[in-house]
Amino acid sequence: MKYLLFLTFSFLLTCGVKNTDQIINSNSEQSQTEETGIIIEDAGKCFPERKIVSILRAKKVNIIKKGDKFFCAYDNTHLEVCELPEAFKKEGTVCTIEGEILEIFANERRMGTPFRLRKIK
């Protein structure tokens, strides 16, 4: 019985979906290194009321501009990034991103899918 509880607990800890209620260090908004790119540490503030639909890892995207907003585009999909770093706010920039694709509510129309950016390089 102990082993069953241990295995169940281990499985839950290794599950791919992250808890959006986790405490995020608010002392530094972004940290940057050569190998990892820019890691967005305060991303939990972006679209807090939306559930995570899927997680995007190491996806190559193009930065595009529609109106006054910037989007990450790939395969005819446009992601509405909450806080895109200033260094990447140039149309036509190719970069690699990681983050969480968020839900779109049934009664709304958006120019892009809400996206919580976690890492960009």
N, C-alpha and C. Protein backbone atom coordinates (compact mmCIF):
# COMPACT_ATOMS: atom_id res chain seq x y z
N MET A 1 0.83 -1.20 0.00
CA MET A 1 0.00 0.00 0.00
C MET A 1 0.87 1.25 0.00
N LYS A 2 1.97 1.22 0.78
CA LYS A 2 2.88 2.36 0.83
C LYS A 2 3.50 2.61 -0.55
N TYR A 3 3.85 1.53 -1.24
CA TYR A 3 4.47 1.67 -2.55
C TYR A 3 3.48 2.25 -3.56
N LEU A 4 2.23 1.87 -3.48
CA LEU A 4 1.21 2.40 -4.37
C LEU A 4 1.03 3.90 -4.15
N LEU A 5 1.00 4.33 -2.90
CA LEU A 5 0.90 5.76 -2.60
C LEU A 5 2.13 6.50 -3.09
N PHE A 6 3.31 5.93 -2.90
CA PHE A 6 4.55 6.55 -3.34
C PHE A 6 4.56 6.70 -4.87
N LEU A 7 4.16 5.65 -5.60
CA LEU A 7 4.14 5.71 -7.05
C LEU A 7 3.11 6.72 -7.55
N THR A 8 1.95 6.77 -6.93
CA THR A 8 0.93 7.74 -7.32
C THR A 8 1.43 9.15 -7.09
N PHE A 9 2.02 9.40 -5.95
CA PHE A 9 2.55 10.73 -5.63
C PHE A 9 3.66 11.11 -6.60
N SER A 10 4.55 10.18 -6.93
CA SER A 10 5.63 10.44 -7.88
C SER A 10 5.08 10.78 -9.25
N PHE A 11 4.06 10.06 -9.68
CA PHE A 11 3.45 10.33 -10.98
C PHE A 11 2.86 11.74 -11.02
N LEU A 12 2.18 12.13 -9.97
CA LEU A 12 1.57 13.47 -9.93
C LEU A 12 2.63 14.57 -9.96
N LEU A 13 3.76 14.35 -9.35
CA LEU A 13 4.83 15.34 -9.35
C LEU A 13 5.48 15.49 -10.71
N THR A 14 5.52 14.43 -11.47
CA THR A 14 6.18 14.48 -12.77
C THR A 14 5.23 14.82 -13.90
N CYS A 15 4.00 15.09 -13.59
CA CYS A 15 3.00 15.44 -14.61
C CYS A 15 3.43 16.71 -15.33
N GLY A 16 3.18 16.82 -16.65
CA GLY A 16 3.65 17.93 -17.48
C GLY A 16 2.95 19.25 -17.26
N VAL A 17 1.76 19.29 -16.65
CA VAL A 17 1.03 20.55 -16.48
C VAL A 17 1.48 21.21 -15.18
N LYS A 18 1.82 22.50 -15.29
CA LYS A 18 2.30 23.24 -14.14
C LYS A 18 1.14 23.92 -13.45
N ASN A 19 1.25 24.09 -12.14
CA ASN A 19 0.25 24.79 -11.37
C ASN A 19 0.40 26.29 -11.59
N THR A 20 -0.67 26.95 -12.01
CA THR A 20 -0.57 28.38 -12.29
C THR A 20 -0.64 29.22 -11.02
N ASP A 21 -0.93 28.59 -9.87
CA ASP A 21 -0.99 29.32 -8.61
C ASP A 21 0.34 29.32 -7.87
N GLN A 22 1.39 28.85 -8.50
CA GLN A 22 2.67 28.77 -7.83
C GLN A 22 3.23 30.16 -7.53
N ILE A 23 4.04 30.26 -6.50
CA ILE A 23 4.65 31.53 -6.13
C ILE A 23 5.82 31.79 -7.04
N ILE A 24 5.85 32.97 -7.62
CA ILE A 24 6.90 33.33 -8.57
C ILE A 24 7.73 34.43 -7.95
N ASN A 25 9.04 34.34 -8.06
CA ASN A 25 9.93 35.35 -7.52
C ASN A 25 9.74 36.66 -8.27
N SER A 26 9.29 37.68 -7.57
CA SER A 26 9.00 38.96 -8.23
C SER A 26 10.17 39.94 -8.14
N ASN A 27 11.29 39.54 -7.57
CA ASN A 27 12.43 40.45 -7.46
C ASN A 27 13.03 40.77 -8.81
N SER A 28 13.12 39.79 -9.69
CA SER A 28 13.68 40.06 -11.01
C SER A 28 12.71 39.58 -12.07
N GLU A 29 12.42 40.41 -13.03
CA GLU A 29 11.44 40.09 -14.05
C GLU A 29 12.02 39.18 -15.12
N GLN A 30 13.26 39.40 -15.53
CA GLN A 30 13.87 38.59 -16.56
C GLN A 30 15.33 38.34 -16.20
N SER A 31 15.82 37.16 -16.51
CA SER A 31 17.24 36.89 -16.37
C SER A 31 17.74 36.39 -17.71
N GLN A 32 18.99 36.72 -18.04
CA GLN A 32 19.48 36.39 -19.38
C GLN A 32 20.85 35.75 -19.28
N THR A 33 21.03 34.67 -20.06
CA THR A 33 22.34 34.05 -20.22
C THR A 33 22.51 33.71 -21.69
N GLU A 34 23.73 33.49 -22.12
CA GLU A 34 24.01 33.21 -23.52
C GLU A 34 23.35 31.90 -23.98
N GLU A 35 23.45 30.82 -23.15
CA GLU A 35 22.97 29.52 -23.59
C GLU A 35 21.45 29.40 -23.53
N THR A 36 20.82 30.01 -22.54
CA THR A 36 19.40 29.78 -22.33
C THR A 36 18.52 30.85 -22.91
N GLY A 37 19.03 31.98 -23.30
CA GLY A 37 18.20 33.07 -23.80
C GLY A 37 17.64 33.87 -22.64
N ILE A 38 16.46 34.44 -22.82
CA ILE A 38 15.83 35.21 -21.77
C ILE A 38 14.75 34.36 -21.12
N ILE A 39 14.84 34.19 -19.82
CA ILE A 39 13.85 33.43 -19.06
C ILE A 39 12.92 34.44 -18.39
N ILE A 40 11.63 34.33 -18.63
CA ILE A 40 10.65 35.24 -18.07
C ILE A 40 10.19 34.65 -16.74
N GLU A 41 10.57 35.27 -15.64
CA GLU A 41 10.25 34.75 -14.33
C GLU A 41 8.90 35.23 -13.81
N ASP A 42 8.41 36.35 -14.30
CA ASP A 42 7.15 36.93 -13.83
C ASP A 42 5.99 36.63 -14.77
N ALA A 43 6.06 35.55 -15.51
CA ALA A 43 5.06 35.26 -16.53
C ALA A 43 3.70 34.90 -15.95
N GLY A 44 3.63 34.54 -14.69
CA GLY A 44 2.37 34.16 -14.07
C GLY A 44 1.34 35.28 -14.04
N LYS A 45 1.78 36.53 -14.22
CA LYS A 45 0.87 37.66 -14.21
C LYS A 45 0.07 37.75 -15.52
N CYS A 46 0.55 37.11 -16.56
CA CYS A 46 -0.08 37.18 -17.87
C CYS A 46 -1.30 36.26 -17.93
N PHE A 47 -2.44 36.78 -18.27
CA PHE A 47 -3.67 36.03 -18.42
C PHE A 47 -3.91 35.08 -17.24
N PRO A 48 -3.96 35.58 -16.00
CA PRO A 48 -4.06 34.69 -14.83
C PRO A 48 -5.37 33.90 -14.76
N GLU A 49 -6.43 34.36 -15.41
CA GLU A 49 -7.73 33.70 -15.32
C GLU A 49 -7.91 32.56 -16.31
N ARG A 50 -6.92 32.31 -17.15
CA ARG A 50 -7.05 31.30 -18.20
C ARG A 50 -6.33 30.00 -17.84
N LYS A 51 -6.92 28.89 -18.26
CA LYS A 51 -6.32 27.58 -18.03
C LYS A 51 -5.30 27.26 -19.12
N ILE A 52 -4.34 26.42 -18.78
CA ILE A 52 -3.32 25.98 -19.73
C ILE A 52 -3.92 24.89 -20.62
N VAL A 53 -3.83 25.10 -21.94
CA VAL A 53 -4.32 24.12 -22.91
C VAL A 53 -3.21 23.16 -23.29
N SER A 54 -2.02 23.70 -23.57
CA SER A 54 -0.87 22.86 -23.89
C SER A 54 0.42 23.64 -23.63
N ILE A 55 1.51 22.92 -23.64
CA ILE A 55 2.82 23.52 -23.39
C ILE A 55 3.64 23.42 -24.67
N LEU A 56 4.23 24.54 -25.04
CA LEU A 56 5.04 24.61 -26.25
C LEU A 56 6.51 24.63 -25.84
N ARG A 57 7.32 23.76 -26.43
CA ARG A 57 8.74 23.69 -26.07
C ARG A 57 9.59 23.84 -27.33
N ALA A 58 10.58 24.73 -27.25
CA ALA A 58 11.58 24.92 -28.31
C ALA A 58 10.95 25.03 -29.70
N LYS A 59 10.02 25.95 -29.86
CA LYS A 59 9.34 26.15 -31.14
C LYS A 59 9.91 27.37 -31.82
N LYS A 60 10.33 27.21 -33.08
CA LYS A 60 10.86 28.31 -33.88
C LYS A 60 9.70 29.13 -34.43
N VAL A 61 9.71 30.45 -34.20
CA VAL A 61 8.61 31.32 -34.61
C VAL A 61 9.15 32.58 -35.27
N ASN A 62 8.27 33.26 -36.00
CA ASN A 62 8.56 34.58 -36.56
C ASN A 62 7.77 35.61 -35.76
N ILE A 63 8.39 36.74 -35.48
CA ILE A 63 7.69 37.83 -34.80
C ILE A 63 6.98 38.66 -35.87
N ILE A 64 5.67 38.85 -35.69
CA ILE A 64 4.91 39.69 -36.62
C ILE A 64 4.18 40.77 -35.82
N LYS A 65 3.79 41.83 -36.50
CA LYS A 65 3.08 42.92 -35.85
C LYS A 65 1.74 43.11 -36.53
N LYS A 66 0.68 43.14 -35.72
CA LYS A 66 -0.68 43.43 -36.19
C LYS A 66 -1.17 44.61 -35.38
N GLY A 67 -1.38 45.72 -36.04
CA GLY A 67 -1.78 46.92 -35.31
C GLY A 67 -0.66 47.37 -34.41
N ASP A 68 -0.92 47.45 -33.11
CA ASP A 68 0.12 47.86 -32.17
C ASP A 68 0.62 46.68 -31.31
N LYS A 69 0.22 45.45 -31.65
CA LYS A 69 0.62 44.28 -30.87
C LYS A 69 1.57 43.41 -31.68
N PHE A 70 2.43 42.69 -30.94
CA PHE A 70 3.36 41.74 -31.56
C PHE A 70 2.89 40.32 -31.27
N PHE A 71 3.06 39.45 -32.25
CA PHE A 71 2.64 38.06 -32.15
C PHE A 71 3.78 37.15 -32.58
N CYS A 72 3.77 35.92 -32.06
CA CYS A 72 4.69 34.88 -32.51
C CYS A 72 3.90 33.99 -33.46
N ALA A 73 4.40 33.82 -34.68
CA ALA A 73 3.66 33.08 -35.70
C ALA A 73 4.43 31.84 -36.14
N TYR A 74 3.70 30.74 -36.30
CA TYR A 74 4.25 29.50 -36.87
C TYR A 74 3.08 28.69 -37.43
N ASP A 75 3.27 28.02 -38.54
CA ASP A 75 2.27 27.11 -39.14
C ASP A 75 0.86 27.71 -39.14
N ASN A 76 0.70 28.95 -39.57
CA ASN A 76 -0.59 29.62 -39.63
C ASN A 76 -1.25 29.79 -38.26
N THR A 77 -0.46 29.79 -37.19
CA THR A 77 -0.93 30.01 -35.83
C THR A 77 -0.28 31.28 -35.31
N HIS A 78 -1.07 32.14 -34.71
CA HIS A 78 -0.56 33.39 -34.14
C HIS A 78 -0.76 33.36 -32.64
N LEU A 79 0.34 33.50 -31.89
CA LEU A 79 0.29 33.50 -30.44
C LEU A 79 0.39 34.93 -29.93
N GLU A 80 -0.56 35.33 -29.10
CA GLU A 80 -0.56 36.66 -28.50
C GLU A 80 0.27 36.59 -27.21
N VAL A 81 1.49 37.09 -27.30
CA VAL A 81 2.43 37.02 -26.19
C VAL A 81 2.16 38.16 -25.22
N CYS A 82 2.08 37.84 -23.94
CA CYS A 82 1.77 38.87 -22.95
C CYS A 82 2.92 39.86 -22.80
N GLU A 83 4.06 39.49 -22.43
CA GLU A 83 5.13 40.46 -22.23
C GLU A 83 6.35 40.07 -23.04
N LEU A 84 6.36 40.45 -24.29
CA LEU A 84 7.49 40.19 -25.17
C LEU A 84 8.61 41.17 -24.84
N PRO A 85 9.83 40.68 -24.57
CA PRO A 85 10.95 41.58 -24.26
C PRO A 85 11.21 42.55 -25.41
N GLU A 86 11.63 43.76 -25.08
CA GLU A 86 11.86 44.83 -26.06
C GLU A 86 12.85 44.41 -27.15
N ALA A 87 13.84 43.60 -26.80
CA ALA A 87 14.86 43.18 -27.77
C ALA A 87 14.26 42.38 -28.93
N PHE A 88 13.08 41.78 -28.73
CA PHE A 88 12.46 40.94 -29.75
C PHE A 88 11.28 41.64 -30.45
N LYS A 89 11.02 42.87 -30.13
CA LYS A 89 9.90 43.60 -30.74
C LYS A 89 10.31 44.22 -32.06
N LYS A 90 10.71 43.35 -32.99
CA LYS A 90 11.07 43.75 -34.35
C LYS A 90 10.41 42.76 -35.29
N GLU A 91 9.59 43.28 -36.20
CA GLU A 91 8.89 42.41 -37.12
C GLU A 91 9.87 41.65 -38.01
N GLY A 92 9.64 40.37 -38.18
CA GLY A 92 10.51 39.54 -39.01
C GLY A 92 11.59 38.81 -38.24
N THR A 93 11.72 39.06 -36.96
CA THR A 93 12.71 38.38 -36.13
C THR A 93 12.34 36.90 -35.99
N VAL A 94 13.31 36.02 -36.16
CA VAL A 94 13.10 34.59 -35.95
C VAL A 94 13.71 34.24 -34.61
N CYS A 95 12.94 33.56 -33.76
CA CYS A 95 13.45 33.18 -32.45
C CYS A 95 12.83 31.85 -32.02
N THR A 96 13.33 31.30 -30.93
CA THR A 96 12.83 30.06 -30.36
C THR A 96 12.16 30.38 -29.04
N ILE A 97 10.93 29.86 -28.85
CA ILE A 97 10.20 30.18 -27.63
C ILE A 97 9.76 28.92 -26.90
N GLU A 98 9.48 29.08 -25.60
CA GLU A 98 8.87 28.05 -24.78
C GLU A 98 7.83 28.74 -23.92
N GLY A 99 6.74 28.06 -23.67
CA GLY A 99 5.70 28.64 -22.83
C GLY A 99 4.43 27.82 -22.85
N GLU A 100 3.36 28.48 -22.38
CA GLU A 100 2.08 27.80 -22.21
C GLU A 100 1.02 28.42 -23.12
N ILE A 101 0.37 27.59 -23.92
CA ILE A 101 -0.76 28.04 -24.73
C ILE A 101 -1.99 28.00 -23.83
N LEU A 102 -2.72 29.12 -23.79
CA LEU A 102 -3.84 29.25 -22.87
C LEU A 102 -5.17 29.17 -23.61
N GLU A 103 -6.22 28.95 -22.85
CA GLU A 103 -7.55 28.78 -23.45
C GLU A 103 -8.10 30.10 -23.99
N ILE A 104 -8.97 29.96 -24.99
CA ILE A 104 -9.76 31.09 -25.50
C ILE A 104 -11.18 30.81 -25.03
N PHE A 105 -11.80 31.79 -24.39
CA PHE A 105 -13.16 31.61 -23.90
C PHE A 105 -14.13 31.49 -25.07
N ALA A 106 -15.23 30.80 -24.86
CA ALA A 106 -16.18 30.49 -25.92
C ALA A 106 -16.82 31.73 -26.55
N ASN A 107 -16.98 32.79 -25.82
CA ASN A 107 -17.70 33.95 -26.33
C ASN A 107 -16.79 35.11 -26.72
N GLU A 108 -15.55 34.85 -27.05
CA GLU A 108 -14.64 35.95 -27.39
C GLU A 108 -13.95 35.72 -28.73
N ARG A 109 -13.54 36.83 -29.33
CA ARG A 109 -12.77 36.78 -30.58
C ARG A 109 -11.44 37.47 -30.29
N ARG A 110 -10.36 36.85 -30.70
CA ARG A 110 -9.03 37.39 -30.46
C ARG A 110 -8.23 37.36 -31.76
N MET A 111 -7.22 38.22 -31.84
CA MET A 111 -6.34 38.23 -33.01
C MET A 111 -5.32 37.10 -32.94
N GLY A 112 -5.10 36.57 -31.75
CA GLY A 112 -4.15 35.47 -31.57
C GLY A 112 -4.50 34.67 -30.34
N THR A 113 -3.94 33.49 -30.23
CA THR A 113 -4.16 32.63 -29.08
C THR A 113 -3.35 33.16 -27.90
N PRO A 114 -3.96 33.31 -26.71
CA PRO A 114 -3.21 33.78 -25.55
C PRO A 114 -2.04 32.83 -25.25
N PHE A 115 -0.89 33.44 -24.97
CA PHE A 115 0.32 32.64 -24.75
C PHE A 115 1.12 33.24 -23.61
N ARG A 116 1.48 32.42 -22.65
CA ARG A 116 2.31 32.84 -21.51
C ARG A 116 3.75 32.45 -21.81
N LEU A 117 4.56 33.42 -22.17
CA LEU A 117 5.96 33.19 -22.55
C LEU A 117 6.81 32.89 -21.33
N ARG A 118 7.55 31.81 -21.37
CA ARG A 118 8.46 31.42 -20.27
C ARG A 118 9.93 31.63 -20.65
N LYS A 119 10.25 31.42 -21.94
CA LYS A 119 11.65 31.51 -22.37
C LYS A 119 11.70 31.89 -23.84
N ILE A 120 12.66 32.73 -24.19
CA ILE A 120 12.83 33.14 -25.59
C ILE A 120 14.30 33.32 -25.90
N LYS A 121 14.72 32.89 -27.07
CA LYS A 121 16.13 33.12 -27.50
C LYS A 121 16.20 33.20 -28.99
